[in-house]
C-alpha atoms as a PDB file:
ATOM      1  CA  UNK A   1       0.000   0.000   0.000  1.00  0.00           C
ATOM      2  CA  UNK A   2       1.409   3.384  -0.968  1.00  0.00           C
ATOM      3  CA  UNK A   3       1.548   6.044   1.745  1.00  0.00           C
ATOM      4  CA  UNK A   4       2.128   9.245  -0.261  1.00  0.00           C
ATOM      5  CA  UNK A   5       0.497  12.142   1.583  1.00  0.00           C
ATOM      6  CA  UNK A   6       0.456  10.322   4.932  1.00  0.00           C
ATOM      7  CA  UNK A   7       2.679  11.014   7.931  1.00  0.00           C
ATOM      8  CA  UNK A   8       5.495   8.905   9.374  1.00  0.00           C
ATOM      9  CA  UNK A   9       6.872   8.682  12.881  1.00  0.00           C
ATOM     10  CA  UNK A  10      10.391   7.259  12.740  1.00  0.00           C
ATOM     11  CA  UNK A  11      12.762   6.496  15.593  1.00  0.00           C
ATOM     12  CA  UNK A  12      16.206   4.951  15.190  1.00  0.00           C
ATOM     13  CA  UNK A  13      17.811   3.950  18.472  1.00  0.00           C
ATOM     14  CA  UNK A  14      21.392   2.688  18.531  1.00  0.00           C
ATOM     15  CA  UNK A  15      21.885   0.548  21.618  1.00  0.00           C
ATOM     16  CA  UNK A  16      25.125  -0.709  23.041  1.00  0.00           C
ATOM     17  CA  UNK A  17      25.497  -4.444  23.662  1.00  0.00           C
ATOM     18  CA  UNK A  18      24.445  -4.047  27.307  1.00  0.00           C
ATOM     19  CA  UNK A  19      21.260  -2.166  26.284  1.00  0.00           C
ATOM     20  CA  UNK A  20      19.889  -4.578  23.664  1.00  0.00           C
ATOM     21  CA  UNK A  21      17.921  -6.792  26.067  1.00  0.00           C
ATOM     22  CA  UNK A  22      16.104  -3.744  27.440  1.00  0.00           C
ATOM     23  CA  UNK A  23      15.204  -2.645  23.915  1.00  0.00           C
ATOM     24  CA  UNK A  24      13.869  -6.115  23.127  1.00  0.00           C
ATOM     25  CA  UNK A  25      11.782  -6.053  26.313  1.00  0.00           C
ATOM     26  CA  UNK A  26      10.365  -2.572  25.732  1.00  0.00           C
ATOM     27  CA  UNK A  27       9.451  -3.227  22.087  1.00  0.00           C
ATOM     28  CA  UNK A  28       7.805  -6.544  23.000  1.00  0.00           C
ATOM     29  CA  UNK A  29       5.561  -4.605  25.414  1.00  0.00           C
ATOM     30  CA  UNK A  30       5.015  -1.852  22.834  1.00  0.00           C
ATOM     31  CA  UNK A  31       3.806  -4.413  20.266  1.00  0.00           C
ATOM     32  CA  UNK A  32       1.268  -5.740  22.787  1.00  0.00           C
ATOM     33  CA  UNK A  33       0.039  -2.234  23.652  1.00  0.00           C
ATOM     34  CA  UNK A  34      -0.352  -0.817  20.124  1.00  0.00           C
ATOM     35  CA  UNK A  35      -3.366  -2.830  18.785  1.00  0.00           C
ATOM     36  CA  UNK A  36      -5.633  -1.982  21.694  1.00  0.00           C
ATOM     37  CA  UNK A  37      -5.001   1.737  21.619  1.00  0.00           C
ATOM     38  CA  UNK A  38      -4.701   2.868  18.020  1.00  0.00           C
ATOM     39  CA  UNK A  39      -7.321   3.941  15.506  1.00  0.00           C
ATOM     40  CA  UNK A  40      -8.026   1.760  12.483  1.00  0.00           C
ATOM     41  CA  UNK A  41      -9.953   4.399  10.526  1.00  0.00           C
ATOM     42  CA  UNK A  42     -10.302   8.159  10.199  1.00  0.00           C
ATOM     43  CA  UNK A  43      -7.686  10.915  10.375  1.00  0.00           C
ATOM     44  CA  UNK A  44      -5.897   9.195  13.304  1.00  0.00           C
ATOM     45  CA  UNK A  45      -5.677   5.826  11.544  1.00  0.00           C
ATOM     46  CA  UNK A  46      -2.496   3.804  12.005  1.00  0.00           C
ATOM     47  CA  UNK A  47      -1.674   2.552   8.502  1.00  0.00           C
ATOM     48  CA  UNK A  48       1.491   0.615   9.276  1.00  0.00           C
ATOM     49  CA  UNK A  49       3.607  -0.355  12.255  1.00  0.00           C
ATOM     50  CA  UNK A  50       7.062  -1.901  11.933  1.00  0.00           C
ATOM     51  CA  UNK A  51       9.920  -2.474  14.343  1.00  0.00           C
ATOM     52  CA  UNK A  52      13.156  -3.817  12.938  1.00  0.00           C
ATOM     53  CA  UNK A  53      16.591  -4.490  14.338  1.00  0.00           C
ATOM     54  CA  UNK A  54      20.042  -4.644  12.712  1.00  0.00           C
ATOM     55  CA  UNK A  55      23.661  -4.833  13.765  1.00  0.00           C
ATOM     56  CA  UNK A  56      25.485  -1.508  13.382  1.00  0.00           C
ATOM     57  CA  UNK A  57      28.095  -1.797  10.659  1.00  0.00           C
ATOM     58  CA  UNK A  58      31.592  -0.340  11.033  1.00  0.00           C
ATOM     59  CA  UNK A  59      31.205   0.901   7.454  1.00  0.00           C
ATOM     60  CA  UNK A  60      27.750   0.347   5.917  1.00  0.00           C
ATOM     61  CA  UNK A  61      29.269   0.716   2.439  1.00  0.00           C
ATOM     62  CA  UNK A  62      31.749  -2.105   3.159  1.00  0.00           C
ATOM     63  CA  UNK A  63      30.027  -4.983   4.974  1.00  0.00           C
ATOM     64  CA  UNK A  64      33.331  -6.870   5.110  1.00  0.00           C
ATOM     65  CA  UNK A  65      34.499  -4.316   7.723  1.00  0.00           C
ATOM     66  CA  UNK A  66      32.231  -6.034  10.250  1.00  0.00           C
ATOM     67  CA  UNK A  67      30.007  -4.735  13.009  1.00  0.00           C
ATOM     68  CA  UNK A  68      30.533  -2.485  16.014  1.00  0.00           C
ATOM     69  CA  UNK A  69      28.657  -4.584  18.567  1.00  0.00           C
ATOM     70  CA  UNK A  70      25.876  -2.002  18.733  1.00  0.00           C
ATOM     71  CA  UNK A  71      22.350  -2.682  17.499  1.00  0.00           C
ATOM     72  CA  UNK A  72      19.955  -0.348  15.662  1.00  0.00           C
ATOM     73  CA  UNK A  73      16.278  -0.560  16.636  1.00  0.00           C
ATOM     74  CA  UNK A  74      14.099   1.072  13.967  1.00  0.00           C
ATOM     75  CA  UNK A  75      10.491   2.002  14.728  1.00  0.00           C
ATOM     76  CA  UNK A  76       8.352   3.166  11.813  1.00  0.00           C
ATOM     77  CA  UNK A  77       4.697   4.091  12.196  1.00  0.00           C
ATOM     78  CA  UNK A  78       2.636   5.593   9.371  1.00  0.00           C
ATOM     79  CA  UNK A  79      -0.551   7.503  10.145  1.00  0.00           C
ATOM     80  CA  UNK A  80      -3.253   8.922   7.915  1.00  0.00           C
ATOM     81  CA  UNK A  81      -2.528  12.469   9.165  1.00  0.00           C
ATOM     82  CA  UNK A  82      -0.533  14.357  11.786  1.00  0.00           C
ATOM     83  CA  UNK A  83      -3.516  13.873  14.113  1.00  0.00           C
ATOM     84  CA  UNK A  84      -2.547  10.202  14.367  1.00  0.00           C
ATOM     85  CA  UNK A  85       0.994  11.037  15.440  1.00  0.00           C
ATOM     86  CA  UNK A  86      -0.307  13.509  18.036  1.00  0.00           C
ATOM     87  CA  UNK A  87      -2.766  10.889  19.290  1.00  0.00           C
ATOM     88  CA  UNK A  88      -0.003   8.284  19.536  1.00  0.00           C
ATOM     89  CA  UNK A  89       2.201  10.620  21.566  1.00  0.00           C
ATOM     90  CA  UNK A  90      -0.651  11.514  23.926  1.00  0.00           C
ATOM     91  CA  UNK A  91      -1.657   7.872  24.382  1.00  0.00           C
ATOM     92  CA  UNK A  92       1.952   6.806  24.944  1.00  0.00           C
ATOM     93  CA  UNK A  93       2.345   9.224  27.827  1.00  0.00           C
ATOM     94  CA  UNK A  94      -1.067   8.397  29.282  1.00  0.00           C
ATOM     95  CA  UNK A  95      -1.237   4.618  29.007  1.00  0.00           C
ATOM     96  CA  UNK A  96       1.887   2.846  27.735  1.00  0.00           C
ATOM     97  CA  UNK A  97       3.063   1.003  30.871  1.00  0.00           C
ATOM     98  CA  UNK A  98       6.718   1.164  29.809  1.00  0.00           C
ATOM     99  CA  UNK A  99       6.740   4.844  28.801  1.00  0.00           C
ATOM    100  CA  UNK A 100       9.154   5.922  31.558  1.00  0.00           C
ATOM    101  CA  UNK A 101      11.386   2.909  30.884  1.00  0.00           C
ATOM    102  CA  UNK A 102      11.386   3.805  27.184  1.00  0.00           C
ATOM    103  CA  UNK A 103      12.448   7.392  27.896  1.00  0.00           C
ATOM    104  CA  UNK A 104      15.198   6.215  30.262  1.00  0.00           C
ATOM    105  CA  UNK A 105      16.471   3.664  27.738  1.00  0.00           C
ATOM    106  CA  UNK A 106      16.462   6.162  24.861  1.00  0.00           C
ATOM    107  CA  UNK A 107      18.419   8.544  27.083  1.00  0.00           C
ATOM    108  CA  UNK A 108      21.090   5.875  27.559  1.00  0.00           C
ATOM    109  CA  UNK A 109      21.341   5.191  23.818  1.00  0.00           C
ATOM    110  CA  UNK A 110      21.933   7.268  20.717  1.00  0.00           C
ATOM    111  CA  UNK A 111      18.611   8.164  19.097  1.00  0.00           C
ATOM    112  CA  UNK A 112      17.249   9.971  16.077  1.00  0.00           C
ATOM    113  CA  UNK A 113      13.573  10.829  16.495  1.00  0.00           C
ATOM    114  CA  UNK A 114      11.434  12.191  13.668  1.00  0.00           C
ATOM    115  CA  UNK A 115       7.839  12.992  14.605  1.00  0.00           C
ATOM    116  CA  UNK A 116       5.472  13.657  11.742  1.00  0.00           C
ATOM    117  CA  UNK A 117       7.464  13.520   8.511  1.00  0.00           C
ATOM    118  CA  UNK A 118       5.240  13.962   5.486  1.00  0.00           C
ATOM    119  CA  UNK A 119       5.627  11.127   2.991  1.00  0.00           C
ATOM    120  CA  UNK A 120       6.186  12.509  -0.514  1.00  0.00           C
ATOM    121  CA  UNK A 121       7.271   9.332  -2.340  1.00  0.00           C
ATOM    122  CA  UNK A 122       5.805   5.891  -1.804  1.00  0.00           C
ATOM    123  CA  UNK A 123       5.310   2.720  -3.810  1.00  0.00           C
ATOM    124  CA  UNK A 124       2.752  -0.033  -3.533  1.00  0.00           C
END
C-alpha cells in the first residue's frame, strides 16, 4: 500500500550491547500495547507499524568491515494524518506502561527521532 500524503513517525535507536535486552523487552511490550489503543480508521488511523533491528556496521558501504557490537532498533509508524501522530504521543504518555522505561532507555542510547514527517514518495 502506498503512503504518499500520509505522515510517518520514525525512531532509530542505537543501543550498546548491554542495552539490547532492554530494547527487546520494551518493544515486545510496545507491540502488545499498540493494537488496543490505536485507531483503524479516520484521520488518526495507524496505517502501518514496523519495528526492525540490525547490527550496526563499522562501514555500511563495506560490509566486510564487520560490526561495532551495537544494534539499531528502527520504529516506523505511518498515520493517515498528523492527528494520528499527536494521538499516539498523547496515548503513549497516558497509558503505555513502559513509557518511563522507554524514555530512560532512549536517554542511555543514541537516538534519532522524527515525529510527523510527510511522505512525498511511496510505492505499492
